[in-house]
Amino acid sequence: MSDSELAGQFLDAAIGLLRRVRDEETEAVTAAGTLVADTVAAGGRLFAFGAGHSSLAAQDIVYRAGGLALMNLLAVPGVVGVDVVPATLGSALERVEGLATAVLDTSPLRAGDVLVIISLSGRNALPVEMALHARALGVRVIGVTSVAYATETTPRNASGTFLKDHCDVVLDSKIAPGDAVLTLESVPAPFAPASTVVTSAVLQSVMATAAGILADRGIEPPLLRSGNVDGGHDWNARILKQYGDRIFYER
């Protein structure tokens, strides 16, 4: 099989997953977008969290041209991406009980805010405990996860539950356990993960929905523009000043 055929197979697999999300998650995307819009309109704040590679999708909706300026990254030291050495430390920290509670209790989150939690498996202590504790604080939780993990794996946290069990809205990425979408007889392990592509697209669809809902209500969505287009910096300066009390990545 040629390299180009493998590239095409991966893209086809990713497109197939995106089509499934479009066809099967419409209600959930609308519910999540409505929750985001309601929170913005009510003066609440928005936060996103993901550990390891799930953090990539969280970062994709923070301080993003064309995105909502009010989305803040909830960072947990050691698990944001793969920037720690050894990289396996980040995976180990995801399984530490009590870490999520400590992070939330020292964070700016408060009742009425929205927290997007991204975890492909949804089985480790960090995302599950974060959802549990956030809701106890009065924070609304949008979970982005693969529901298939809940039927094909076991929980890896003290509660014996999954992220999907503790969310106000669940967005199912449709990713199969293991993430990789390609196999070859000559390659001993599956390869080509698709979760980042799909999860980022799901979240951007939620943000687009929220912007449209706000506009329908006569509320200007607090959107950022690219700093690389004329007038972008002035536009963003206005938005950041107007919503400065709800934006934490500027402090």
Protein backbone atom coordinates (compact mmCIF):
# COMPACT_ATOMS: atom_id res chain seq x y z
CA MET A 1 0.00 0.00 0.00
CA SER A 2 1.36 3.43 -0.92
CA ASP A 3 1.88 6.28 1.50
CA SER A 4 -0.72 8.33 -0.35
CA GLU A 5 -3.28 5.56 0.06
CA LEU A 6 -2.66 5.53 3.82
CA ALA A 7 -3.02 9.31 3.94
CA GLY A 8 -6.30 9.06 2.08
CA GLN A 9 -7.53 6.30 4.39
CA PHE A 10 -6.79 8.42 7.45
CA LEU A 11 -8.58 11.44 6.01
CA ASP A 12 -11.55 9.28 5.03
CA ALA A 13 -11.69 7.84 8.56
CA ALA A 14 -11.57 11.32 10.10
CA ILE A 15 -14.26 12.57 7.73
CA GLY A 16 -16.41 9.56 8.59
CA LEU A 17 -16.13 10.34 12.30
CA LEU A 18 -16.97 13.98 11.68
CA ARG A 19 -20.05 12.95 9.71
CA ARG A 20 -21.15 10.70 12.58
CA VAL A 21 -20.76 13.57 15.01
CA ARG A 22 -22.70 15.88 12.69
CA ASP A 23 -25.53 13.37 12.29
CA GLU A 24 -25.69 11.92 15.81
CA GLU A 25 -24.62 14.76 18.12
CA THR A 26 -26.72 17.64 16.81
CA GLU A 27 -28.87 17.80 19.94
CA ALA A 28 -25.86 17.69 22.25
CA VAL A 29 -23.99 20.35 20.27
CA THR A 30 -27.05 22.60 20.38
CA ALA A 31 -27.44 22.02 24.12
CA ALA A 32 -23.77 22.80 24.74
CA GLY A 33 -23.88 25.91 22.56
CA THR A 34 -27.01 27.09 24.34
CA LEU A 35 -25.37 26.57 27.73
CA VAL A 36 -22.35 28.59 26.62
CA ALA A 37 -24.55 31.37 25.25
CA ASP A 38 -26.69 31.44 28.39
CA THR A 39 -23.55 31.74 30.52
CA VAL A 40 -22.13 34.58 28.45
CA ALA A 41 -25.46 36.44 28.54
CA ALA A 42 -25.76 35.98 32.31
CA GLY A 43 -22.32 37.42 33.05
CA GLY A 44 -20.64 34.07 33.67
CA ARG A 45 -17.20 32.92 32.63
CA LEU A 46 -16.02 30.05 30.43
CA PHE A 47 -13.17 27.61 31.09
CA ALA A 48 -11.73 24.61 29.27
CA PHE A 49 -9.56 21.77 30.54
CA GLY A 50 -7.88 18.79 28.97
CA ALA A 51 -4.93 16.66 30.02
CA GLY A 52 -2.19 15.42 27.71
CA HIS A 53 -3.24 15.52 24.07
CA SER A 54 -6.79 16.41 25.15
CA SER A 55 -5.31 19.75 26.14
CA LEU A 56 -4.74 20.53 22.47
CA ALA A 57 -8.49 20.78 21.88
CA ALA A 58 -8.90 22.89 25.01
CA GLN A 59 -6.20 25.30 23.88
CA ASP A 60 -7.77 25.48 20.44
CA ILE A 61 -10.77 27.41 21.79
CA VAL A 62 -8.80 29.80 24.04
CA TYR A 63 -7.61 33.22 22.77
CA ARG A 64 -8.44 32.15 19.25
CA ALA A 65 -9.16 34.35 16.24
CA GLY A 66 -12.83 33.81 15.44
CA GLY A 67 -13.42 32.34 18.90
CA LEU A 68 -15.13 33.54 22.05
CA ALA A 69 -12.85 35.82 24.06
CA LEU A 70 -14.34 34.62 27.35
CA MET A 71 -12.96 31.08 27.07
CA ASN A 72 -10.12 30.58 29.54
CA LEU A 73 -7.72 27.65 29.87
CA LEU A 74 -7.85 25.87 33.22
CA ALA A 75 -4.26 24.72 33.48
CA VAL A 76 -3.07 21.90 35.74
CA PRO A 77 0.73 21.97 36.06
CA GLY A 78 2.32 18.93 34.53
CA VAL A 79 -0.61 17.80 32.39
CA VAL A 80 -1.01 20.61 29.84
CA GLY A 81 0.18 18.90 26.69
CA VAL A 82 3.37 16.85 26.74
CA ASP A 83 5.79 19.52 27.93
CA VAL A 84 6.94 17.71 31.09
CA VAL A 85 9.94 15.40 31.25
CA PRO A 86 9.47 12.52 31.34
CA ALA A 87 6.27 12.76 29.31
CA THR A 88 4.90 9.78 31.23
CA LEU A 89 4.66 12.02 34.33
CA GLY A 90 1.65 13.74 32.79
CA SER A 91 -0.11 10.41 32.39
CA ALA A 92 0.68 9.51 36.00
CA LEU A 93 -0.70 12.83 37.28
CA GLU A 94 -4.03 12.12 35.57
CA ARG A 95 -4.46 9.23 37.99
CA VAL A 96 -3.71 11.22 41.18
CA GLU A 97 -6.77 11.48 43.44
CA GLY A 98 -7.33 14.92 44.99
CA LEU A 99 -5.43 16.89 42.36
CA ALA A 100 -8.53 18.15 40.57
CA THR A 101 -10.13 19.33 43.82
CA ALA A 102 -6.99 21.27 44.77
CA VAL A 103 -6.90 22.89 41.33
CA LEU A 104 -10.55 23.93 41.36
CA ASP A 105 -10.44 25.24 44.92
CA THR A 106 -7.59 27.60 43.96
CA SER A 107 -8.99 28.56 40.56
CA PRO A 108 -11.24 31.54 39.66
CA LEU A 109 -14.19 29.27 38.82
CA ARG A 110 -17.42 30.09 40.63
CA ALA A 111 -21.05 29.08 40.58
CA GLY A 112 -22.70 29.95 37.29
CA ASP A 113 -19.57 29.44 35.19
CA VAL A 114 -19.14 26.74 32.54
CA LEU A 115 -16.24 24.28 32.46
CA VAL A 116 -15.54 22.24 29.33
CA ILE A 117 -13.70 19.03 30.29
CA ILE A 118 -12.07 17.04 27.52
CA SER A 119 -10.99 13.46 28.13
CA LEU A 120 -11.00 10.82 25.44
CA SER A 121 -11.34 7.87 27.80
CA GLY A 122 -13.05 9.74 30.64
CA ARG A 123 -11.82 7.05 33.05
CA ASN A 124 -8.97 8.67 34.98
CA ALA A 125 -9.20 10.42 38.33
CA LEU A 126 -8.38 13.93 37.14
CA PRO A 127 -11.25 14.58 34.67
CA VAL A 128 -13.81 12.59 36.68
CA GLU A 129 -12.99 14.30 39.98
CA MET A 130 -12.90 17.66 38.21
CA ALA A 131 -16.41 17.20 36.89
CA LEU A 132 -17.70 15.98 40.25
CA HIS A 133 -16.18 18.83 42.22
CA ALA A 134 -17.05 21.49 39.65
CA ARG A 135 -20.72 20.60 39.79
CA ALA A 136 -20.60 20.61 43.59
CA LEU A 137 -19.36 24.22 43.30
CA GLY A 138 -22.31 25.16 41.08
CA VAL A 139 -20.31 25.10 37.86
CA ARG A 140 -22.00 23.66 34.77
CA VAL A 141 -19.95 20.98 33.00
CA ILE A 142 -19.72 20.14 29.31
CA GLY A 143 -17.87 16.87 28.80
CA VAL A 144 -16.22 15.88 25.53
CA THR A 145 -15.37 12.19 25.58
CA SER A 146 -15.72 8.86 23.83
CA VAL A 147 -18.73 7.10 25.27
CA ALA A 148 -17.44 3.81 23.86
CA TYR A 149 -14.76 3.74 26.54
CA ALA A 150 -17.46 3.41 29.21
CA THR A 151 -18.59 0.11 27.72
CA GLU A 152 -15.21 -1.30 26.68
CA THR A 153 -12.95 -0.27 29.58
CA THR A 154 -13.21 0.01 33.36
CA PRO A 155 -13.03 3.21 35.45
CA ARG A 156 -9.64 4.17 36.84
CA ASN A 157 -10.69 6.39 39.74
CA ALA A 158 -12.07 6.07 43.27
CA SER A 159 -15.67 6.86 42.29
CA GLY A 160 -15.85 3.96 39.85
CA THR A 161 -17.49 6.18 37.24
CA PHE A 162 -16.67 7.93 33.98
CA LEU A 163 -16.59 11.60 32.98
CA LYS A 164 -19.84 11.16 31.05
CA ASP A 165 -21.62 10.36 34.33
CA HIS A 166 -21.01 13.83 35.80
CA CYS A 167 -21.79 16.32 33.02
CA ASP A 168 -24.67 18.64 32.24
CA VAL A 169 -24.03 18.00 28.54
CA VAL A 170 -22.03 15.13 27.02
CA LEU A 171 -20.50 15.37 23.56
CA ASP A 172 -19.55 11.95 22.21
CA SER A 173 -16.52 12.09 19.88
CA LYS A 174 -17.31 8.58 18.54
CA ILE A 175 -13.64 7.63 18.81
CA ALA A 176 -13.04 3.90 19.33
CA PRO A 177 -10.94 2.85 22.35
CA GLY A 178 -7.29 3.14 21.43
CA ASP A 179 -7.88 6.19 19.19
CA ALA A 180 -5.82 5.00 16.20
CA VAL A 181 -7.93 4.45 13.08
CA LEU A 182 -5.58 2.55 10.74
CA THR A 183 -4.13 -0.96 10.76
CA LEU A 184 -1.77 -2.90 8.51
CA GLU A 185 -0.71 -6.53 8.63
CA SER A 186 2.91 -5.41 8.50
CA VAL A 187 2.51 -3.00 11.44
CA PRO A 188 2.05 -4.62 14.87
CA ALA A 189 0.04 -1.75 16.41
CA PRO A 190 -2.85 0.43 15.23
CA PHE A 191 -1.75 3.91 14.14
CA ALA A 192 -3.00 7.36 13.05
CA PRO A 193 -5.05 8.82 15.95
CA ALA A 194 -8.05 10.97 15.03
CA SER A 195 -9.31 12.25 18.38
CA THR A 196 -7.68 15.70 18.15
CA VAL A 197 -9.18 16.41 14.74
CA VAL A 198 -12.65 15.34 15.81
CA THR A 199 -12.66 16.88 19.28
CA SER A 200 -11.44 20.25 18.03
CA ALA A 201 -14.11 20.25 15.34
CA VAL A 202 -16.82 19.37 17.87
CA LEU A 203 -15.81 22.21 20.14
CA GLN A 204 -15.61 24.72 17.31
CA SER A 205 -19.15 23.70 16.30
CA VAL A 206 -20.27 24.41 19.88
CA MET A 207 -18.62 27.84 19.82
CA ALA A 208 -20.22 28.62 16.46
CA THR A 209 -23.61 27.60 17.84
CA ALA A 210 -23.15 29.82 20.88
CA ALA A 211 -22.19 32.81 18.74
CA GLY A 212 -25.27 32.35 16.58
CA ILE A 213 -27.58 32.05 19.59
CA LEU A 214 -26.18 35.22 21.14
CA ALA A 215 -26.64 37.09 17.87
CA ASP A 216 -30.23 35.85 17.61
CA ARG A 217 -30.85 37.33 21.06
CA GLY A 218 -29.47 40.70 20.00
CA ILE A 219 -26.23 40.24 21.95
CA GLU A 220 -22.93 40.84 20.19
CA PRO A 221 -20.87 37.68 20.64
CA PRO A 222 -17.54 38.58 22.31
CA LEU A 223 -15.42 37.30 19.44
CA LEU A 224 -11.73 37.85 18.79
CA ARG A 225 -10.30 38.70 15.38
CA SER A 226 -6.95 37.75 13.91
CA GLY A 227 -4.17 40.14 14.86
CA ASN A 228 -2.78 39.58 11.38
CA VAL A 229 -5.59 41.40 9.58
CA ASP A 230 -5.96 45.17 9.46
CA GLY A 231 -7.88 46.45 12.45
CA GLY A 232 -7.59 43.16 14.33
CA HIS A 233 -5.54 44.50 17.22
CA ASP A 234 -7.87 47.45 17.79
CA TRP A 235 -10.89 45.15 17.70
CA ASN A 236 -9.35 42.74 20.19
CA ALA A 237 -8.26 45.57 22.51
CA ARG A 238 -11.90 46.69 22.70
CA ILE A 239 -13.17 43.20 23.44
CA LEU A 240 -10.48 42.46 26.04
CA LYS A 241 -11.21 45.75 27.81
CA GLN A 242 -14.98 45.31 27.71
CA TYR A 243 -14.83 41.78 29.14
CA GLY A 244 -11.64 42.11 31.16
CA ASP A 245 -13.27 40.97 34.41
CA ARG A 246 -14.14 37.63 32.78
CA ILE A 247 -10.84 37.00 31.02
CA PHE A 248 -7.96 35.46 32.95
CA TYR A 249 -5.30 34.76 30.32
CA GLU A 250 -4.46 38.49 30.21
CA ARG A 251 -3.52 38.70 33.90
